């Protein structure tokens, strides 16, 4: 979520309060390119699952799912940092 927010803010946008998690994730392909469509779908499914765990039921996320999310987040971080360096060098961490 934080990485997607970086992309959103660097692109000059802010998500409104209501539904900001969904909005932030859903615009990933619009801002980074259509090749990120599958990543956006994956992160949205994680968002939905997190909502369920937070508000409805505990114990529905297994270790394998956590490991997968960590791998996807590491991949996404690498892509976001590359994009940031190429598109917004002034915002790239030195």
PDB file of N, CA and C in Angstrom:
ATOM      1  N   UNK A   1       0.827  -1.186   0.000  1.00  0.00           N
ATOM      2  CA  UNK A   1       0.000   0.000   0.000  1.00  0.00           C
ATOM      3  C   UNK A   1       0.873   1.253   0.000  1.00  0.00           C
ATOM      4  N   UNK A   2       1.930   1.242   0.784  1.00  0.00           N
ATOM      5  CA  UNK A   2       2.809   2.406   0.856  1.00  0.00           C
ATOM      6  C   UNK A   2       3.523   2.645  -0.466  1.00  0.00           C
ATOM      7  N   UNK A   3       3.945   1.589  -1.121  1.00  0.00           N
ATOM      8  CA  UNK A   3       4.625   1.744  -2.407  1.00  0.00           C
ATOM      9  C   UNK A   3       3.676   2.302  -3.461  1.00  0.00           C
ATOM     10  N   UNK A   4       2.459   1.824  -3.478  1.00  0.00           N
ATOM     11  CA  UNK A   4       1.461   2.345  -4.420  1.00  0.00           C
ATOM     12  C   UNK A   4       1.165   3.813  -4.119  1.00  0.00           C
ATOM     13  N   UNK A   5       1.169   4.177  -2.858  1.00  0.00           N
ATOM     14  CA  UNK A   5       0.946   5.571  -2.466  1.00  0.00           C
ATOM     15  C   UNK A   5       2.089   6.458  -2.962  1.00  0.00           C
ATOM     16  N   UNK A   6       3.306   5.962  -2.918  1.00  0.00           N
ATOM     17  CA  UNK A   6       4.454   6.707  -3.440  1.00  0.00           C
ATOM     18  C   UNK A   6       4.232   7.024  -4.914  1.00  0.00           C
ATOM     19  N   UNK A   7       3.803   6.017  -5.676  1.00  0.00           N
ATOM     20  CA  UNK A   7       3.551   6.214  -7.104  1.00  0.00           C
ATOM     21  C   UNK A   7       2.450   7.250  -7.313  1.00  0.00           C
ATOM     22  N   UNK A   8       1.390   7.133  -6.556  1.00  0.00           N
ATOM     23  CA  UNK A   8       0.261   8.047  -6.670  1.00  0.00           C
ATOM     24  C   UNK A   8       0.699   9.487  -6.372  1.00  0.00           C
ATOM     25  N   UNK A   9       1.373   9.679  -5.252  1.00  0.00           N
ATOM     26  CA  UNK A   9       1.808  11.023  -4.854  1.00  0.00           C
ATOM     27  C   UNK A   9       2.840  11.597  -5.826  1.00  0.00           C
ATOM     28  N   UNK A  10       3.797  10.770  -6.247  1.00  0.00           N
ATOM     29  CA  UNK A  10       4.826  11.249  -7.176  1.00  0.00           C
ATOM     30  C   UNK A  10       4.208  11.671  -8.504  1.00  0.00           C
ATOM     31  N   UNK A  11       3.081  11.064  -8.842  1.00  0.00           N
ATOM     32  CA  UNK A  11       2.386  11.397 -10.092  1.00  0.00           C
ATOM     33  C   UNK A  11       1.470  12.605  -9.935  1.00  0.00           C
ATOM     34  N   UNK A  12       1.432  13.158  -8.735  1.00  0.00           N
ATOM     35  CA  UNK A  12       0.655  14.368  -8.507  1.00  0.00           C
ATOM     36  C   UNK A  12      -0.781  14.136  -8.076  1.00  0.00           C
ATOM     37  N   UNK A  13      -1.097  12.947  -7.603  1.00  0.00           N
ATOM     38  CA  UNK A  13      -2.464  12.625  -7.188  1.00  0.00           C
ATOM     39  C   UNK A  13      -2.532  12.304  -5.705  1.00  0.00           C
ATOM     40  N   UNK A  14      -3.728  12.389  -5.170  1.00  0.00           N
ATOM     41  CA  UNK A  14      -4.038  11.979  -3.797  1.00  0.00           C
ATOM     42  C   UNK A  14      -5.341  11.207  -3.847  1.00  0.00           C
ATOM     43  N   UNK A  15      -5.456  10.185  -3.055  1.00  0.00           N
ATOM     44  CA  UNK A  15      -6.700   9.427  -2.986  1.00  0.00           C
ATOM     45  C   UNK A  15      -7.616  10.064  -1.949  1.00  0.00           C
ATOM     46  N   UNK A  16      -8.889  10.121  -2.269  1.00  0.00           N
ATOM     47  CA  UNK A  16      -9.873  10.633  -1.310  1.00  0.00           C
ATOM     48  C   UNK A  16      -9.969   9.669  -0.139  1.00  0.00           C
ATOM     49  N   UNK A  17     -10.454  10.143   0.988  1.00  0.00           N
ATOM     50  CA  UNK A  17     -10.530   9.322   2.203  1.00  0.00           C
ATOM     51  C   UNK A  17     -11.333   8.036   1.991  1.00  0.00           C
ATOM     52  N   UNK A  18     -12.552   8.145   1.519  1.00  0.00           N
ATOM     53  CA  UNK A  18     -13.391   6.968   1.350  1.00  0.00           C
ATOM     54  C   UNK A  18     -12.887   6.076   0.235  1.00  0.00           C
ATOM     55  N   UNK A  19     -12.528   4.847   0.560  1.00  0.00           N
ATOM     56  CA  UNK A  19     -12.067   3.904  -0.448  1.00  0.00           C
ATOM     57  C   UNK A  19     -10.664   4.166  -0.955  1.00  0.00           C
ATOM     58  N   UNK A  20      -9.851   4.842  -0.145  1.00  0.00           N
ATOM     59  CA  UNK A  20      -8.521   5.217  -0.631  1.00  0.00           C
ATOM     60  C   UNK A  20      -7.610   4.017  -0.878  1.00  0.00           C
ATOM     61  N   UNK A  21      -7.774   2.936  -0.143  1.00  0.00           N
ATOM     62  CA  UNK A  21      -6.950   1.750  -0.407  1.00  0.00           C
ATOM     63  C   UNK A  21      -7.259   1.200  -1.797  1.00  0.00           C
ATOM     64  N   UNK A  22      -8.548   1.044  -2.095  1.00  0.00           N
ATOM     65  CA  UNK A  22      -8.941   0.526  -3.404  1.00  0.00           C
ATOM     66  C   UNK A  22      -8.468   1.465  -4.508  1.00  0.00           C
ATOM     67  N   UNK A  23      -8.684   2.755  -4.334  1.00  0.00           N
ATOM     68  CA  UNK A  23      -8.295   3.732  -5.353  1.00  0.00           C
ATOM     69  C   UNK A  23      -6.801   3.676  -5.611  1.00  0.00           C
ATOM     70  N   UNK A  24      -6.025   3.677  -4.562  1.00  0.00           N
ATOM     71  CA  UNK A  24      -4.569   3.685  -4.696  1.00  0.00           C
ATOM     72  C   UNK A  24      -4.078   2.460  -5.450  1.00  0.00           C
ATOM     73  N   UNK A  25      -4.609   1.310  -5.128  1.00  0.00           N
ATOM     74  CA  UNK A  25      -4.195   0.074  -5.797  1.00  0.00           C
ATOM     75  C   UNK A  25      -4.708   0.024  -7.234  1.00  0.00           C
ATOM     76  N   UNK A  26      -5.924   0.467  -7.455  1.00  0.00           N
ATOM     77  CA  UNK A  26      -6.524   0.325  -8.786  1.00  0.00           C
ATOM     78  C   UNK A  26      -5.861   1.194  -9.853  1.00  0.00           C
ATOM     79  N   UNK A  27      -5.201   2.270  -9.461  1.00  0.00           N
ATOM     80  CA  UNK A  27      -4.569   3.145 -10.457  1.00  0.00           C
ATOM     81  C   UNK A  27      -3.128   2.748 -10.783  1.00  0.00           C
ATOM     82  N   UNK A  28      -2.616   1.710 -10.159  1.00  0.00           N
ATOM     83  CA  UNK A  28      -1.245   1.269 -10.437  1.00  0.00           C
ATOM     84  C   UNK A  28      -1.006   1.083 -11.937  1.00  0.00           C
ATOM     85  N   UNK A  29      -1.851   0.338 -12.664  1.00  0.00           N
ATOM     86  CA  UNK A  29      -1.597   0.172 -14.104  1.00  0.00           C
ATOM     87  C   UNK A  29      -1.692   1.479 -14.890  1.00  0.00           C
ATOM     88  N   UNK A  30      -2.564   2.379 -14.459  1.00  0.00           N
ATOM     89  CA  UNK A  30      -2.685   3.667 -15.152  1.00  0.00           C
ATOM     90  C   UNK A  30      -1.415   4.497 -15.020  1.00  0.00           C
ATOM     91  N   UNK A  31      -0.751   4.379 -13.891  1.00  0.00           N
ATOM     92  CA  UNK A  31       0.426   5.209 -13.636  1.00  0.00           C
ATOM     93  C   UNK A  31       1.737   4.531 -14.011  1.00  0.00           C
ATOM     94  N   UNK A  32       1.812   3.211 -13.833  1.00  0.00           N
ATOM     95  CA  UNK A  32       3.051   2.489 -14.121  1.00  0.00           C
ATOM     96  C   UNK A  32       3.023   1.763 -15.462  1.00  0.00           C
ATOM     97  N   UNK A  33       1.845   1.512 -15.987  1.00  0.00           N
ATOM     98  CA  UNK A  33       1.728   0.799 -17.258  1.00  0.00           C
ATOM     99  C   UNK A  33       0.877  -0.458 -17.115  1.00  0.00           C
ATOM    100  N   UNK A  34       0.298  -0.857 -18.228  1.00  0.00           N
ATOM    101  CA  UNK A  34      -0.613  -2.015 -18.240  1.00  0.00           C
ATOM    102  C   UNK A  34       0.054  -3.312 -17.794  1.00  0.00           C
ATOM    103  N   UNK A  35       1.377  -3.385 -17.889  1.00  0.00           N
ATOM    104  CA  UNK A  35       2.067  -4.605 -17.445  1.00  0.00           C
ATOM    105  C   UNK A  35       1.929  -4.813 -15.934  1.00  0.00           C
ATOM    106  N   UNK A  36       1.418  -3.822 -15.229  1.00  0.00           N
ATOM    107  CA  UNK A  36       1.192  -3.929 -13.788  1.00  0.00           C
ATOM    108  C   UNK A  36      -0.256  -4.300 -13.444  1.00  0.00           C
ATOM    109  N   UNK A  37      -1.045  -4.638 -14.452  1.00  0.00           N
ATOM    110  CA  UNK A  37      -2.446  -5.000 -14.230  1.00  0.00           C
ATOM    111  C   UNK A  37      -2.570  -6.208 -13.299  1.00  0.00           C
ATOM    112  N   UNK A  38      -1.794  -7.238 -13.549  1.00  0.00           N
ATOM    113  CA  UNK A  38      -1.866  -8.451 -12.713  1.00  0.00           C
ATOM    114  C   UNK A  38      -1.421  -8.152 -11.287  1.00  0.00           C
ATOM    115  N   UNK A  39      -0.389  -7.345 -11.123  1.00  0.00           N
ATOM    116  CA  UNK A  39       0.074  -6.972  -9.781  1.00  0.00           C
ATOM    117  C   UNK A  39      -1.021  -6.213  -9.042  1.00  0.00           C
ATOM    118  N   UNK A  40      -1.693  -5.306  -9.726  1.00  0.00           N
ATOM    119  CA  UNK A  40      -2.783  -4.548  -9.099  1.00  0.00           C
ATOM    120  C   UNK A  40      -3.906  -5.481  -8.665  1.00  0.00           C
ATOM    121  N   UNK A  41      -4.247  -6.454  -9.505  1.00  0.00           N
ATOM    122  CA  UNK A  41      -5.288  -7.431  -9.126  1.00  0.00           C
ATOM    123  C   UNK A  41      -4.854  -8.237  -7.897  1.00  0.00           C
ATOM    124  N   UNK A  42      -3.594  -8.655  -7.905  1.00  0.00           N
ATOM    125  CA  UNK A  42      -3.082  -9.430  -6.767  1.00  0.00           C
ATOM    126  C   UNK A  42      -3.132  -8.602  -5.483  1.00  0.00           C
ATOM    127  N   UNK A  43      -2.630  -7.377  -5.530  1.00  0.00           N
ATOM    128  CA  UNK A  43      -2.631  -6.536  -4.332  1.00  0.00           C
ATOM    129  C   UNK A  43      -4.051  -6.183  -3.890  1.00  0.00           C
ATOM    130  N   UNK A  44      -4.963  -6.056  -4.831  1.00  0.00           N
ATOM    131  CA  UNK A  44      -6.355  -5.806  -4.458  1.00  0.00           C
ATOM    132  C   UNK A  44      -6.949  -7.019  -3.752  1.00  0.00           C
ATOM    133  N   UNK A  45      -6.613  -8.224  -4.224  1.00  0.00           N
ATOM    134  CA  UNK A  45      -7.114  -9.422  -3.532  1.00  0.00           C
ATOM    135  C   UNK A  45      -6.532  -9.498  -2.118  1.00  0.00           C
ATOM    136  N   UNK A  46      -5.294  -9.073  -1.944  1.00  0.00           N
ATOM    137  CA  UNK A  46      -4.691  -9.022  -0.604  1.00  0.00           C
ATOM    138  C   UNK A  46      -5.393  -7.979   0.262  1.00  0.00           C
ATOM    139  N   UNK A  47      -5.762  -6.859  -0.342  1.00  0.00           N
ATOM    140  CA  UNK A  47      -6.481  -5.815   0.381  1.00  0.00           C
ATOM    141  C   UNK A  47      -7.819  -6.342   0.881  1.00  0.00           C
ATOM    142  N   UNK A  48      -8.511  -7.055   0.043  1.00  0.00           N
ATOM    143  CA  UNK A  48      -9.806  -7.624   0.425  1.00  0.00           C
ATOM    144  C   UNK A  48      -9.633  -8.628   1.550  1.00  0.00           C
ATOM    145  N   UNK A  49      -8.621  -9.481   1.430  1.00  0.00           N
ATOM    146  CA  UNK A  49      -8.368 -10.479   2.466  1.00  0.00           C
ATOM    147  C   UNK A  49      -7.988  -9.803   3.785  1.00  0.00           C
ATOM    148  N   UNK A  50      -7.148  -8.760   3.717  1.00  0.00           N
ATOM    149  CA  UNK A  50      -6.765  -8.029   4.928  1.00  0.00           C
ATOM    150  C   UNK A  50      -7.990  -7.442   5.603  1.00  0.00           C
ATOM    151  N   UNK A  51      -8.891  -6.900   4.822  1.00  0.00           N
ATOM    152  CA  UNK A  51     -10.113  -6.340   5.386  1.00  0.00           C
ATOM    153  C   UNK A  51     -10.891  -7.417   6.138  1.00  0.00           C
ATOM    154  N   UNK A  52     -10.998  -8.591   5.536  1.00  0.00           N
ATOM    155  CA  UNK A  52     -11.703  -9.690   6.191  1.00  0.00           C
ATOM    156  C   UNK A  52     -11.038 -10.122   7.484  1.00  0.00           C
ATOM    157  N   UNK A  53      -9.731 -10.194   7.453  1.00  0.00           N
ATOM    158  CA  UNK A  53      -8.990 -10.596   8.648  1.00  0.00           C
ATOM    159  C   UNK A  53      -9.131  -9.548   9.744  1.00  0.00           C
ATOM    160  N   UNK A  54      -9.068  -8.283   9.360  1.00  0.00           N
ATOM    161  CA  UNK A  54      -9.174  -7.206  10.342  1.00  0.00           C
ATOM    162  C   UNK A  54     -10.549  -7.119  10.985  1.00  0.00           C
ATOM    163  N   UNK A  55     -11.590  -7.363  10.200  1.00  0.00           N
ATOM    164  CA  UNK A  55     -12.934  -7.080  10.691  1.00  0.00           C
ATOM    165  C   UNK A  55     -13.832  -8.300  10.877  1.00  0.00           C
ATOM    166  N   UNK A  56     -13.553  -9.397  10.204  1.00  0.00           N
ATOM    167  CA  UNK A  56     -14.497 -10.515  10.240  1.00  0.00           C
ATOM    168  C   UNK A  56     -13.952 -11.790  10.855  1.00  0.00           C
ATOM    169  N   UNK A  57     -12.803 -12.220  10.423  1.00  0.00           N
ATOM    170  CA  UNK A  57     -12.313 -13.518  10.856  1.00  0.00           C
ATOM    171  C   UNK A  57     -10.784 -13.542  10.922  1.00  0.00           C
ATOM    172  N   UNK A  58     -10.288 -14.152  11.942  1.00  0.00           N
ATOM    173  CA  UNK A  58      -8.839 -14.294  12.112  1.00  0.00           C
ATOM    174  C   UNK A  58      -8.419 -15.698  11.691  1.00  0.00           C
ATOM    175  N   UNK A  59      -7.144 -15.860  11.421  1.00  0.00           N
ATOM    176  CA  UNK A  59      -6.604 -17.180  11.132  1.00  0.00           C
ATOM    177  C   UNK A  59      -6.858 -17.684   9.725  1.00  0.00           C
ATOM    178  N   UNK A  60      -7.182 -16.809   8.795  1.00  0.00           N
ATOM    179  CA  UNK A  60      -7.469 -17.250   7.433  1.00  0.00           C
ATOM    180  C   UNK A  60      -6.292 -17.072   6.482  1.00  0.00           C
ATOM    181  N   UNK A  61      -5.193 -16.533   6.969  1.00  0.00           N
ATOM    182  CA  UNK A  61      -4.011 -16.329   6.142  1.00  0.00           C
ATOM    183  C   UNK A  61      -2.917 -17.263   6.622  1.00  0.00           C
ATOM    184  N   UNK A  62      -2.402 -18.071   5.691  1.00  0.00           N
ATOM    185  CA  UNK A  62      -1.362 -19.038   6.036  1.00  0.00           C
ATOM    186  C   UNK A  62       0.031 -18.517   5.756  1.00  0.00           C
ATOM    187  N   UNK A  63       1.005 -19.273   6.222  1.00  0.00           N
ATOM    188  CA  UNK A  63       2.406 -18.881   6.043  1.00  0.00           C
ATOM    189  C   UNK A  63       2.786 -18.781   4.569  1.00  0.00           C
ATOM    190  N   UNK A  64       2.243 -19.664   3.746  1.00  0.00           N
ATOM    191  CA  UNK A  64       2.549 -19.640   2.322  1.00  0.00           C
ATOM    192  C   UNK A  64       2.061 -18.333   1.678  1.00  0.00           C
ATOM    193  N   UNK A  65       0.878 -17.892   2.073  1.00  0.00           N
ATOM    194  CA  UNK A  65       0.348 -16.637   1.537  1.00  0.00           C
ATOM    195  C   UNK A  65       1.188 -15.443   1.988  1.00  0.00           C
ATOM    196  N   UNK A  66       1.647 -15.490   3.219  1.00  0.00           N
ATOM    197  CA  UNK A  66       2.499 -14.406   3.733  1.00  0.00           C
ATOM    198  C   UNK A  66       3.813 -14.366   2.957  1.00  0.00           C
ATOM    199  N   UNK A  67       4.416 -15.534   2.736  1.00  0.00           N
ATOM    200  CA  UNK A  67       5.675 -15.598   1.984  1.00  0.00           C
ATOM    201  C   UNK A  67       5.484 -15.076   0.563  1.00  0.00           C
ATOM    202  N   UNK A  68       4.357 -15.435  -0.055  1.00  0.00           N
ATOM    203  CA  UNK A  68       4.068 -14.964  -1.411  1.00  0.00           C
ATOM    204  C   UNK A  68       3.925 -13.445  -1.428  1.00  0.00           C
ATOM    205  N   UNK A  69       3.205 -12.897  -0.469  1.00  0.00           N
ATOM    206  CA  UNK A  69       3.023 -11.451  -0.408  1.00  0.00           C
ATOM    207  C   UNK A  69       4.360 -10.741  -0.203  1.00  0.00           C
ATOM    208  N   UNK A  70       5.217 -11.288   0.626  1.00  0.00           N
ATOM    209  CA  UNK A  70       6.532 -10.679   0.833  1.00  0.00           C
ATOM    210  C   UNK A  70       7.352 -10.679  -0.456  1.00  0.00           C
ATOM    211  N   UNK A  71       7.281 -11.775  -1.222  1.00  0.00           N
ATOM    212  CA  UNK A  71       7.981 -11.826  -2.513  1.00  0.00           C
ATOM    213  C   UNK A  71       7.416 -10.781  -3.484  1.00  0.00           C
ATOM    214  N   UNK A  72       6.096 -10.708  -3.566  1.00  0.00           N
ATOM    215  CA  UNK A  72       5.460  -9.743  -4.468  1.00  0.00           C
ATOM    216  C   UNK A  72       5.776  -8.302  -4.057  1.00  0.00           C
ATOM    217  N   UNK A  73       5.782  -8.046  -2.769  1.00  0.00           N
ATOM    218  CA  UNK A  73       6.093  -6.694  -2.286  1.00  0.00           C
ATOM    219  C   UNK A  73       7.544  -6.330  -2.596  1.00  0.00           C
ATOM    220  N   UNK A  74       8.458  -7.277  -2.461  1.00  0.00           N
ATOM    221  CA  UNK A  74       9.867  -7.009  -2.784  1.00  0.00           C
ATOM    222  C   UNK A  74      10.022  -6.725  -4.274  1.00  0.00           C
ATOM    223  N   UNK A  75       9.334  -7.493  -5.116  1.00  0.00           N
ATOM    224  CA  UNK A  75       9.353  -7.268  -6.569  1.00  0.00           C
ATOM    225  C   UNK A  75       8.795  -5.881  -6.888  1.00  0.00           C
ATOM    226  N   UNK A  76       7.664  -5.550  -6.273  1.00  0.00           N
ATOM    227  CA  UNK A  76       7.017  -4.267  -6.528  1.00  0.00           C
ATOM    228  C   UNK A  76       7.899  -3.114  -6.058  1.00  0.00           C
ATOM    229  N   UNK A  77       8.555  -3.270  -4.936  1.00  0.00           N
ATOM    230  CA  UNK A  77       9.463  -2.232  -4.446  1.00  0.00           C
ATOM    231  C   UNK A  77      10.570  -1.963  -5.453  1.00  0.00           C
ATOM    232  N   UNK A  78      11.138  -3.026  -5.999  1.00  0.00           N
ATOM    233  CA  UNK A  78      12.195  -2.875  -7.000  1.00  0.00           C
ATOM    234  C   UNK A  78      11.673  -2.110  -8.218  1.00  0.00           C
ATOM    235  N   UNK A  79      10.479  -2.454  -8.678  1.00  0.00           N
ATOM    236  CA  UNK A  79       9.892  -1.796  -9.843  1.00  0.00           C
ATOM    237  C   UNK A  79       9.561  -0.330  -9.559  1.00  0.00           C
ATOM    238  N   UNK A  80       9.008  -0.061  -8.386  1.00  0.00           N
ATOM    239  CA  UNK A  80       8.656   1.312  -8.028  1.00  0.00           C
ATOM    240  C   UNK A  80       9.916   2.170  -7.912  1.00  0.00           C
ATOM    241  N   UNK A  81      10.955   1.650  -7.291  1.00  0.00           N
ATOM    242  CA  UNK A  81      12.194   2.427  -7.174  1.00  0.00           C
ATOM    243  C   UNK A  81      12.821   2.698  -8.537  1.00  0.00           C
ATOM    244  N   UNK A  82      12.762   1.713  -9.440  1.00  0.00           N
ATOM    245  CA  UNK A  82      13.279   1.927 -10.802  1.00  0.00           C
ATOM    246  C   UNK A  82      12.471   2.993 -11.521  1.00  0.00           C
ATOM    247  N   UNK A  83      11.145   2.934 -11.377  1.00  0.00           N
ATOM    248  CA  UNK A  83      10.262   3.927 -11.989  1.00  0.00           C
ATOM    249  C   UNK A  83      10.534   5.310 -11.408  1.00  0.00           C
ATOM    250  N   UNK A  84      10.668   5.362 -10.091  1.00  0.00           N
ATOM    251  CA  UNK A  84      10.912   6.638  -9.425  1.00  0.00           C
ATOM    252  C   UNK A  84      12.228   7.249  -9.900  1.00  0.00           C
ATOM    253  N   UNK A  85      13.255   6.436 -10.020  1.00  0.00           N
ATOM    254  CA  UNK A  85      14.557   6.928 -10.473  1.00  0.00           C
ATOM    255  C   UNK A  85      14.482   7.444 -11.907  1.00  0.00           C
ATOM    256  N   UNK A  86      13.724   6.761 -12.751  1.00  0.00           N
ATOM    257  CA  UNK A  86      13.611   7.153 -14.152  1.00  0.00           C
ATOM    258  C   UNK A  86      12.673   8.343 -14.366  1.00  0.00           C
ATOM    259  N   UNK A  87      11.575   8.386 -13.621  1.00  0.00           N
ATOM    260  CA  UNK A  87      10.540   9.387 -13.865  1.00  0.00           C
ATOM    261  C   UNK A  87      10.590  10.596 -12.927  1.00  0.00           C
ATOM    262  N   UNK A  88      11.104  10.384 -11.738  1.00  0.00           N
ATOM    263  CA  UNK A  88      11.115  11.445 -10.719  1.00  0.00           C
ATOM    264  C   UNK A  88      12.420  11.385  -9.936  1.00  0.00           C
ATOM    265  N   UNK A  89      13.515  11.597 -10.638  1.00  0.00           N
ATOM    266  CA  UNK A  89      14.838  11.459 -10.025  1.00  0.00           C
ATOM    267  C   UNK A  89      14.986  12.315  -8.766  1.00  0.00           C
ATOM    268  N   UNK A  90      14.315  13.465  -8.740  1.00  0.00           N
ATOM    269  CA  UNK A  90      14.415  14.338  -7.572  1.00  0.00           C
ATOM    270  C   UNK A  90      13.801  13.710  -6.329  1.00  0.00           C
ATOM    271  N   UNK A  91      12.947  12.713  -6.490  1.00  0.00           N
ATOM    272  CA  UNK A  91      12.327  12.033  -5.361  1.00  0.00           C
ATOM    273  C   UNK A  91      13.012  10.721  -5.000  1.00  0.00           C
ATOM    274  N   UNK A  92      13.931  10.297  -5.836  1.00  0.00           N
ATOM    275  CA  UNK A  92      14.612   9.015  -5.625  1.00  0.00           C
ATOM    276  C   UNK A  92      15.537   9.120  -4.421  1.00  0.00           C
ATOM    277  N   UNK A  93      15.469   8.130  -3.511  1.00  0.00           N
ATOM    278  CA  UNK A  93      16.334   8.185  -2.308  1.00  0.00           C
ATOM    279  C   UNK A  93      17.818   8.067  -2.709  1.00  0.00           C
ATOM    280  N   UNK A  94      18.618   8.922  -2.154  1.00  0.00           N
ATOM    281  CA  UNK A  94      20.052   8.929  -2.466  1.00  0.00           C
ATOM    282  C   UNK A  94      20.817   7.995  -1.576  1.00  0.00           C
TER     283      UNK A  94
END
